[in-house]
C-alpha cells in the first residue's frame, strides 16, 4: 500500500458538479492499493498518517485534530520502467482495492480523525493548496 500525504490549507474533491469532500488546514492523502495488500497494511498506513509529524511545529494530525481528505489513487502503482505506456499490473482491481481504501478511512475514524473522501472509481477533480510544500510518500 502506498500513500502520498500532503499538508494543505484547503483541499476538495468534486465529481461532476458535486463537491463530495472538502477540508481546511489538514492532510490530503492519495491512497494506492497493490495486489498484495491486506487489512493489516490498511491499518498500518492509517496509523502512520494519523501520527506522522508533518504539520507545523512537528505536530501530527492526531495532535491538532487536523481533518484528512482521502482519495483512492490506483495510478500510484504505475510501472513506467519499460516503454512509454504505464503498466498497472501491481494495482489492485476495484473489488479488491475499494474495501481496503475504506478500511484506511474507517481506521482513521476509529483513531479519532475527521475524514472526508472522494468517490471510488469516479472521475474526480482534486483541488488543493499545498502548505510548505510538504509531500511525503508512505509505503509498506
N, C-alpha and C. Protein backbone atom coordinates (compact mmCIF):
# COMPACT_ATOMS: atom_id res chain seq x y z
N UNK A 1 0.86 -1.17 0.00
CA UNK A 1 0.00 0.00 0.00
C UNK A 1 0.90 1.23 0.00
N UNK A 2 0.48 2.23 -0.76
CA UNK A 2 1.21 3.49 -0.83
C UNK A 2 0.25 4.63 -0.54
N UNK A 3 0.81 5.68 0.07
CA UNK A 3 0.02 6.89 0.30
C UNK A 3 0.92 8.09 0.08
N UNK A 4 0.41 9.07 -0.63
CA UNK A 4 1.06 10.36 -0.76
C UNK A 4 0.31 11.30 0.17
N UNK A 5 1.04 11.87 1.13
CA UNK A 5 0.44 12.72 2.16
C UNK A 5 0.95 14.14 1.96
N UNK A 6 0.03 15.09 1.82
CA UNK A 6 0.38 16.50 1.66
C UNK A 6 -0.30 17.33 2.74
N UNK A 7 0.44 18.29 3.28
CA UNK A 7 -0.19 19.27 4.16
C UNK A 7 -0.86 20.30 3.27
N UNK A 8 -2.10 20.64 3.60
CA UNK A 8 -2.86 21.56 2.76
C UNK A 8 -3.57 22.62 3.60
N UNK A 9 -3.70 23.81 3.03
CA UNK A 9 -4.55 24.82 3.67
C UNK A 9 -6.00 24.59 3.29
N UNK A 10 -6.21 24.11 2.06
CA UNK A 10 -7.55 23.69 1.62
C UNK A 10 -7.39 22.56 0.62
N UNK A 11 -8.37 21.70 0.59
CA UNK A 11 -8.43 20.63 -0.41
C UNK A 11 -9.89 20.22 -0.58
N UNK A 12 -10.23 19.91 -1.82
CA UNK A 12 -11.59 19.46 -2.09
C UNK A 12 -11.56 18.51 -3.27
N UNK A 13 -12.61 17.72 -3.38
CA UNK A 13 -12.76 16.80 -4.50
C UNK A 13 -14.19 16.92 -5.01
N UNK A 14 -14.30 17.02 -6.33
CA UNK A 14 -15.61 17.12 -6.95
C UNK A 14 -15.80 15.99 -7.95
N UNK A 15 -17.04 15.57 -8.07
CA UNK A 15 -17.45 14.60 -9.08
C UNK A 15 -18.58 15.27 -9.84
N UNK A 16 -18.35 15.53 -11.11
CA UNK A 16 -19.32 16.32 -11.86
C UNK A 16 -19.39 17.71 -11.27
N UNK A 17 -20.58 18.15 -10.92
CA UNK A 17 -20.76 19.47 -10.30
C UNK A 17 -20.88 19.39 -8.78
N UNK A 18 -20.71 18.20 -8.21
CA UNK A 18 -20.90 18.00 -6.78
C UNK A 18 -19.57 17.91 -6.02
N UNK A 19 -19.43 18.75 -4.99
CA UNK A 19 -18.29 18.62 -4.09
C UNK A 19 -18.60 17.49 -3.14
N UNK A 20 -17.78 16.43 -3.18
CA UNK A 20 -18.06 15.25 -2.35
C UNK A 20 -17.18 15.19 -1.10
N UNK A 21 -16.13 15.99 -1.06
CA UNK A 21 -15.26 16.05 0.12
C UNK A 21 -14.50 17.35 0.13
N UNK A 22 -14.31 17.92 1.34
CA UNK A 22 -13.63 19.21 1.45
C UNK A 22 -13.06 19.37 2.86
N UNK A 23 -11.81 19.86 2.94
CA UNK A 23 -11.20 20.11 4.25
C UNK A 23 -10.44 21.44 4.23
N UNK A 24 -10.15 21.93 5.42
CA UNK A 24 -9.32 23.12 5.62
C UNK A 24 -8.27 22.78 6.67
N UNK A 25 -7.03 23.21 6.40
CA UNK A 25 -5.91 23.03 7.34
C UNK A 25 -5.78 21.58 7.82
N UNK A 26 -5.42 20.72 6.89
CA UNK A 26 -5.29 19.31 7.22
C UNK A 26 -4.37 18.58 6.27
N UNK A 27 -4.71 17.32 6.01
CA UNK A 27 -3.92 16.46 5.15
C UNK A 27 -4.74 15.96 3.97
N UNK A 28 -4.16 16.05 2.79
CA UNK A 28 -4.70 15.40 1.60
C UNK A 28 -3.90 14.12 1.43
N UNK A 29 -4.60 12.99 1.34
CA UNK A 29 -3.93 11.69 1.25
C UNK A 29 -4.45 10.94 0.03
N UNK A 30 -3.53 10.61 -0.88
CA UNK A 30 -3.84 9.77 -2.03
C UNK A 30 -3.41 8.36 -1.67
N UNK A 31 -4.31 7.40 -1.78
CA UNK A 31 -4.03 6.02 -1.36
C UNK A 31 -4.09 5.08 -2.55
N UNK A 32 -3.01 4.33 -2.74
CA UNK A 32 -2.95 3.31 -3.77
C UNK A 32 -2.84 1.94 -3.14
N UNK A 33 -3.55 0.98 -3.71
CA UNK A 33 -3.58 -0.39 -3.18
C UNK A 33 -2.98 -1.32 -4.23
N UNK A 34 -2.08 -2.20 -3.76
CA UNK A 34 -1.48 -3.17 -4.66
C UNK A 34 -2.19 -4.52 -4.54
N UNK A 35 -1.85 -5.40 -5.45
CA UNK A 35 -2.45 -6.74 -5.46
C UNK A 35 -2.06 -7.55 -4.24
N UNK A 36 -0.99 -7.16 -3.53
CA UNK A 36 -0.50 -7.91 -2.37
C UNK A 36 -1.01 -7.38 -1.03
N UNK A 37 -1.80 -6.33 -1.03
CA UNK A 37 -2.18 -5.66 0.22
C UNK A 37 -3.32 -6.37 0.95
N UNK A 38 -3.39 -6.06 2.26
CA UNK A 38 -4.42 -6.65 3.11
C UNK A 38 -4.89 -5.60 4.13
N UNK A 39 -5.78 -5.99 4.99
CA UNK A 39 -6.28 -5.11 6.04
C UNK A 39 -5.15 -4.68 6.98
N UNK A 40 -4.15 -5.53 7.16
CA UNK A 40 -3.01 -5.17 8.01
C UNK A 40 -2.28 -3.95 7.46
N UNK A 41 -2.05 -3.92 6.15
CA UNK A 41 -1.40 -2.75 5.54
C UNK A 41 -2.28 -1.51 5.68
N UNK A 42 -3.58 -1.69 5.53
CA UNK A 42 -4.51 -0.55 5.66
C UNK A 42 -4.43 0.05 7.07
N UNK A 43 -4.40 -0.79 8.08
CA UNK A 43 -4.31 -0.31 9.46
C UNK A 43 -2.97 0.37 9.70
N UNK A 44 -1.90 -0.23 9.20
CA UNK A 44 -0.57 0.36 9.39
C UNK A 44 -0.49 1.75 8.77
N UNK A 45 -0.97 1.88 7.53
CA UNK A 45 -0.84 3.16 6.85
C UNK A 45 -1.75 4.21 7.49
N UNK A 46 -2.93 3.81 7.96
CA UNK A 46 -3.81 4.76 8.65
C UNK A 46 -3.16 5.25 9.94
N UNK A 47 -2.58 4.34 10.70
CA UNK A 47 -1.89 4.73 11.94
C UNK A 47 -0.75 5.69 11.64
N UNK A 48 0.00 5.42 10.58
CA UNK A 48 1.14 6.26 10.21
C UNK A 48 0.66 7.64 9.78
N UNK A 49 -0.40 7.71 8.98
CA UNK A 49 -0.96 9.00 8.53
C UNK A 49 -1.38 9.83 9.75
N UNK A 50 -2.07 9.22 10.69
CA UNK A 50 -2.63 9.90 11.85
C UNK A 50 -1.54 10.45 12.77
N UNK A 51 -0.41 9.75 12.86
CA UNK A 51 0.63 10.15 13.82
C UNK A 51 1.87 10.77 13.18
N UNK A 52 1.89 10.89 11.86
CA UNK A 52 3.04 11.44 11.15
C UNK A 52 3.23 12.92 11.50
N UNK A 53 4.39 13.27 11.99
CA UNK A 53 4.68 14.65 12.43
C UNK A 53 5.10 15.51 11.24
N UNK A 54 4.12 15.85 10.43
CA UNK A 54 4.35 16.59 9.19
C UNK A 54 3.78 18.02 9.25
N UNK A 55 2.97 18.31 10.25
CA UNK A 55 2.35 19.63 10.36
C UNK A 55 3.29 20.62 11.04
N UNK A 56 2.90 21.89 11.08
CA UNK A 56 3.72 22.92 11.72
C UNK A 56 4.14 22.52 13.12
N UNK A 57 5.33 22.94 13.51
CA UNK A 57 5.89 22.66 14.84
C UNK A 57 6.00 21.17 15.13
N UNK A 58 6.23 20.39 14.07
CA UNK A 58 6.41 18.94 14.19
C UNK A 58 5.23 18.26 14.88
N UNK A 59 4.05 18.69 14.55
CA UNK A 59 2.84 18.08 15.10
C UNK A 59 2.21 17.16 14.08
N UNK A 60 1.41 16.25 14.60
CA UNK A 60 0.70 15.30 13.74
C UNK A 60 -0.78 15.68 13.66
N UNK A 61 -1.48 15.04 12.76
CA UNK A 61 -2.93 15.25 12.67
C UNK A 61 -3.59 14.89 13.99
N UNK A 62 -3.08 13.86 14.66
CA UNK A 62 -3.67 13.46 15.94
C UNK A 62 -3.43 14.52 17.02
N UNK A 63 -2.31 15.24 16.95
CA UNK A 63 -2.01 16.28 17.94
C UNK A 63 -2.97 17.46 17.85
N UNK A 64 -3.38 17.81 16.64
CA UNK A 64 -4.17 19.04 16.45
C UNK A 64 -5.56 18.78 15.86
N UNK A 65 -5.95 17.51 15.80
CA UNK A 65 -7.25 17.13 15.24
C UNK A 65 -7.43 17.66 13.82
N UNK A 66 -6.38 17.58 13.01
CA UNK A 66 -6.44 18.05 11.63
C UNK A 66 -7.31 17.10 10.80
N UNK A 67 -8.18 17.65 9.96
CA UNK A 67 -9.01 16.80 9.11
C UNK A 67 -8.18 16.18 7.99
N UNK A 68 -8.68 15.09 7.44
CA UNK A 68 -7.97 14.34 6.41
C UNK A 68 -8.93 14.07 5.25
N UNK A 69 -8.46 14.36 4.04
CA UNK A 69 -9.21 14.05 2.83
C UNK A 69 -8.50 12.89 2.14
N UNK A 70 -9.18 11.73 2.05
CA UNK A 70 -8.61 10.52 1.46
C UNK A 70 -9.20 10.30 0.08
N UNK A 71 -8.30 10.12 -0.89
CA UNK A 71 -8.70 9.89 -2.28
C UNK A 71 -8.03 8.60 -2.76
N UNK A 72 -8.80 7.68 -3.33
CA UNK A 72 -8.20 6.48 -3.91
C UNK A 72 -7.45 6.86 -5.18
N UNK A 73 -6.28 6.23 -5.39
CA UNK A 73 -5.41 6.63 -6.49
C UNK A 73 -4.64 5.41 -7.00
N UNK A 74 -5.26 4.64 -7.89
CA UNK A 74 -4.60 3.42 -8.37
C UNK A 74 -3.34 3.73 -9.16
N UNK A 75 -3.23 4.93 -9.70
CA UNK A 75 -2.05 5.27 -10.51
C UNK A 75 -0.76 5.34 -9.70
N UNK A 76 -0.85 5.29 -8.37
CA UNK A 76 0.37 5.24 -7.55
C UNK A 76 1.14 3.95 -7.80
N UNK A 77 0.49 2.97 -8.41
CA UNK A 77 1.18 1.72 -8.72
C UNK A 77 1.52 1.58 -10.20
N UNK A 78 1.65 2.70 -10.89
CA UNK A 78 2.08 2.67 -12.29
C UNK A 78 3.53 2.19 -12.37
N UNK A 79 3.79 1.29 -13.29
CA UNK A 79 5.15 0.85 -13.56
C UNK A 79 5.56 1.47 -14.89
N UNK A 80 6.52 2.38 -14.84
CA UNK A 80 6.94 3.12 -16.04
C UNK A 80 8.36 2.77 -16.47
N UNK A 81 8.88 1.65 -15.99
CA UNK A 81 10.26 1.29 -16.29
C UNK A 81 10.47 0.93 -17.75
N UNK A 82 9.47 0.39 -18.42
CA UNK A 82 9.61 -0.01 -19.82
C UNK A 82 8.65 0.79 -20.69
N UNK A 83 9.14 1.21 -21.83
CA UNK A 83 8.29 1.86 -22.82
C UNK A 83 7.72 3.18 -22.35
N UNK A 84 6.66 3.61 -23.04
CA UNK A 84 6.04 4.90 -22.75
C UNK A 84 4.65 4.76 -22.15
N UNK A 85 4.14 3.55 -22.09
CA UNK A 85 2.81 3.32 -21.55
C UNK A 85 2.94 2.67 -20.17
N UNK A 86 2.36 3.28 -19.14
CA UNK A 86 2.44 2.68 -17.81
C UNK A 86 1.74 1.32 -17.75
N UNK A 87 2.28 0.44 -16.95
CA UNK A 87 1.64 -0.83 -16.66
C UNK A 87 0.94 -0.70 -15.30
N UNK A 88 -0.22 -1.29 -15.19
CA UNK A 88 -0.99 -1.23 -13.93
C UNK A 88 -1.05 -2.60 -13.27
N UNK A 89 -0.13 -3.51 -13.61
CA UNK A 89 -0.18 -4.89 -13.11
C UNK A 89 -0.16 -4.99 -11.59
N UNK A 90 0.53 -4.09 -10.90
CA UNK A 90 0.62 -4.16 -9.44
C UNK A 90 -0.57 -3.49 -8.73
N UNK A 91 -1.35 -2.69 -9.46
CA UNK A 91 -2.50 -2.03 -8.86
C UNK A 91 -3.63 -3.04 -8.67
N UNK A 92 -4.21 -3.05 -7.48
CA UNK A 92 -5.31 -3.97 -7.20
C UNK A 92 -6.54 -3.56 -7.99
N UNK A 93 -7.31 -4.54 -8.47
CA UNK A 93 -8.57 -4.22 -9.15
C UNK A 93 -9.58 -3.63 -8.17
N UNK A 94 -10.54 -2.91 -8.69
CA UNK A 94 -11.54 -2.23 -7.87
C UNK A 94 -12.16 -3.06 -6.76
N UNK A 95 -12.63 -4.28 -7.04
CA UNK A 95 -13.26 -5.08 -5.98
C UNK A 95 -12.32 -5.42 -4.82
N UNK A 96 -11.01 -5.41 -5.07
CA UNK A 96 -10.03 -5.65 -4.01
C UNK A 96 -9.65 -4.33 -3.35
N UNK A 97 -9.41 -3.31 -4.16
CA UNK A 97 -8.91 -2.02 -3.66
C UNK A 97 -9.94 -1.25 -2.84
N UNK A 98 -11.18 -1.22 -3.31
CA UNK A 98 -12.19 -0.39 -2.64
C UNK A 98 -12.36 -0.71 -1.16
N UNK A 99 -12.51 -2.00 -0.77
CA UNK A 99 -12.66 -2.27 0.66
C UNK A 99 -11.40 -1.92 1.46
N UNK A 100 -10.23 -1.98 0.84
CA UNK A 100 -9.01 -1.64 1.57
C UNK A 100 -8.86 -0.13 1.75
N UNK A 101 -9.25 0.65 0.75
CA UNK A 101 -9.27 2.11 0.93
C UNK A 101 -10.28 2.46 2.01
N UNK A 102 -11.43 1.82 1.99
CA UNK A 102 -12.44 2.05 3.03
C UNK A 102 -11.92 1.64 4.40
N UNK A 103 -11.09 0.59 4.46
CA UNK A 103 -10.50 0.17 5.73
C UNK A 103 -9.56 1.25 6.27
N UNK A 104 -8.83 1.92 5.39
CA UNK A 104 -7.97 3.04 5.81
C UNK A 104 -8.83 4.15 6.41
N UNK A 105 -9.91 4.50 5.72
CA UNK A 105 -10.81 5.56 6.18
C UNK A 105 -11.42 5.18 7.53
N UNK A 106 -11.93 3.97 7.65
CA UNK A 106 -12.56 3.55 8.90
C UNK A 106 -11.57 3.50 10.06
N UNK A 107 -10.35 3.06 9.79
CA UNK A 107 -9.33 3.04 10.85
C UNK A 107 -9.01 4.46 11.30
N UNK A 108 -8.87 5.39 10.36
CA UNK A 108 -8.62 6.79 10.72
C UNK A 108 -9.75 7.33 11.59
N UNK A 109 -10.98 7.02 11.22
CA UNK A 109 -12.13 7.49 12.01
C UNK A 109 -12.13 6.85 13.40
N UNK A 110 -11.77 5.59 13.49
CA UNK A 110 -11.69 4.91 14.78
C UNK A 110 -10.64 5.57 15.67
N UNK A 111 -9.55 6.04 15.06
CA UNK A 111 -8.49 6.70 15.81
C UNK A 111 -8.90 8.10 16.26
N UNK A 112 -9.99 8.63 15.70
CA UNK A 112 -10.48 9.95 16.10
C UNK A 112 -10.44 11.01 15.02
N UNK A 113 -10.02 10.64 13.81
CA UNK A 113 -9.89 11.61 12.73
C UNK A 113 -11.24 11.98 12.12
N UNK A 114 -11.33 13.23 11.69
CA UNK A 114 -12.42 13.67 10.83
C UNK A 114 -11.95 13.42 9.41
N UNK A 115 -12.67 12.56 8.68
CA UNK A 115 -12.22 12.14 7.36
C UNK A 115 -13.28 12.44 6.32
N UNK A 116 -12.85 13.08 5.25
CA UNK A 116 -13.67 13.27 4.06
C UNK A 116 -13.07 12.35 2.99
N UNK A 117 -13.86 12.01 1.97
CA UNK A 117 -13.37 11.12 0.93
C UNK A 117 -13.83 11.57 -0.45
N UNK A 118 -13.17 11.00 -1.43
CA UNK A 118 -13.65 11.12 -2.80
C UNK A 118 -14.68 10.04 -3.04
N UNK A 119 -14.90 9.71 -4.30
CA UNK A 119 -15.84 8.66 -4.66
C UNK A 119 -15.07 7.61 -5.45
N UNK A 120 -14.96 6.42 -4.90
CA UNK A 120 -14.15 5.37 -5.50
C UNK A 120 -14.58 5.11 -6.94
N UNK A 121 -13.60 5.06 -7.84
CA UNK A 121 -13.85 4.73 -9.24
C UNK A 121 -14.40 5.85 -10.09
N UNK A 122 -14.73 6.97 -9.49
CA UNK A 122 -15.29 8.10 -10.25
C UNK A 122 -14.18 8.93 -10.87
N UNK A 123 -14.51 9.67 -11.90
CA UNK A 123 -13.60 10.67 -12.45
C UNK A 123 -13.73 11.89 -11.54
N UNK A 124 -12.65 12.19 -10.83
CA UNK A 124 -12.69 13.24 -9.81
C UNK A 124 -11.76 14.39 -10.19
N UNK A 125 -12.14 15.58 -9.75
CA UNK A 125 -11.25 16.73 -9.80
C UNK A 125 -10.82 17.03 -8.38
N UNK A 126 -9.52 16.98 -8.14
CA UNK A 126 -8.98 17.22 -6.81
C UNK A 126 -8.29 18.58 -6.82
N UNK A 127 -8.73 19.45 -5.94
CA UNK A 127 -8.15 20.80 -5.82
C UNK A 127 -7.44 20.87 -4.47
N UNK A 128 -6.22 21.43 -4.47
CA UNK A 128 -5.53 21.56 -3.19
C UNK A 128 -4.54 22.72 -3.23
N UNK A 129 -4.30 23.26 -2.05
CA UNK A 129 -3.25 24.25 -1.85
C UNK A 129 -2.30 23.65 -0.84
N UNK A 130 -1.14 23.22 -1.33
CA UNK A 130 -0.14 22.54 -0.51
C UNK A 130 0.60 23.56 0.33
N UNK A 131 0.76 23.26 1.61
CA UNK A 131 1.47 24.15 2.54
C UNK A 131 2.89 23.63 2.69
N UNK A 132 3.84 24.51 2.59
CA UNK A 132 5.24 24.16 2.80
C UNK A 132 6.09 24.41 1.58
N UNK A 133 5.98 23.67 0.53
CA UNK A 133 5.16 22.46 0.36
C UNK A 133 5.77 21.27 1.09
N UNK A 134 4.88 20.46 1.64
CA UNK A 134 5.30 19.23 2.31
C UNK A 134 4.52 18.08 1.70
N UNK A 135 5.25 17.15 1.11
CA UNK A 135 4.66 15.97 0.49
C UNK A 135 5.50 14.77 0.89
N UNK A 136 4.87 13.74 1.46
CA UNK A 136 5.56 12.57 1.96
C UNK A 136 4.96 11.33 1.28
N UNK A 137 5.83 10.42 0.85
CA UNK A 137 5.39 9.13 0.32
C UNK A 137 5.53 8.08 1.42
N UNK A 138 4.43 7.43 1.75
CA UNK A 138 4.44 6.32 2.70
C UNK A 138 4.25 5.03 1.94
N UNK A 139 4.98 4.01 2.32
CA UNK A 139 4.84 2.73 1.67
C UNK A 139 5.16 1.61 2.65
N UNK A 140 4.36 0.58 2.54
CA UNK A 140 4.63 -0.60 3.37
C UNK A 140 4.68 -1.82 2.50
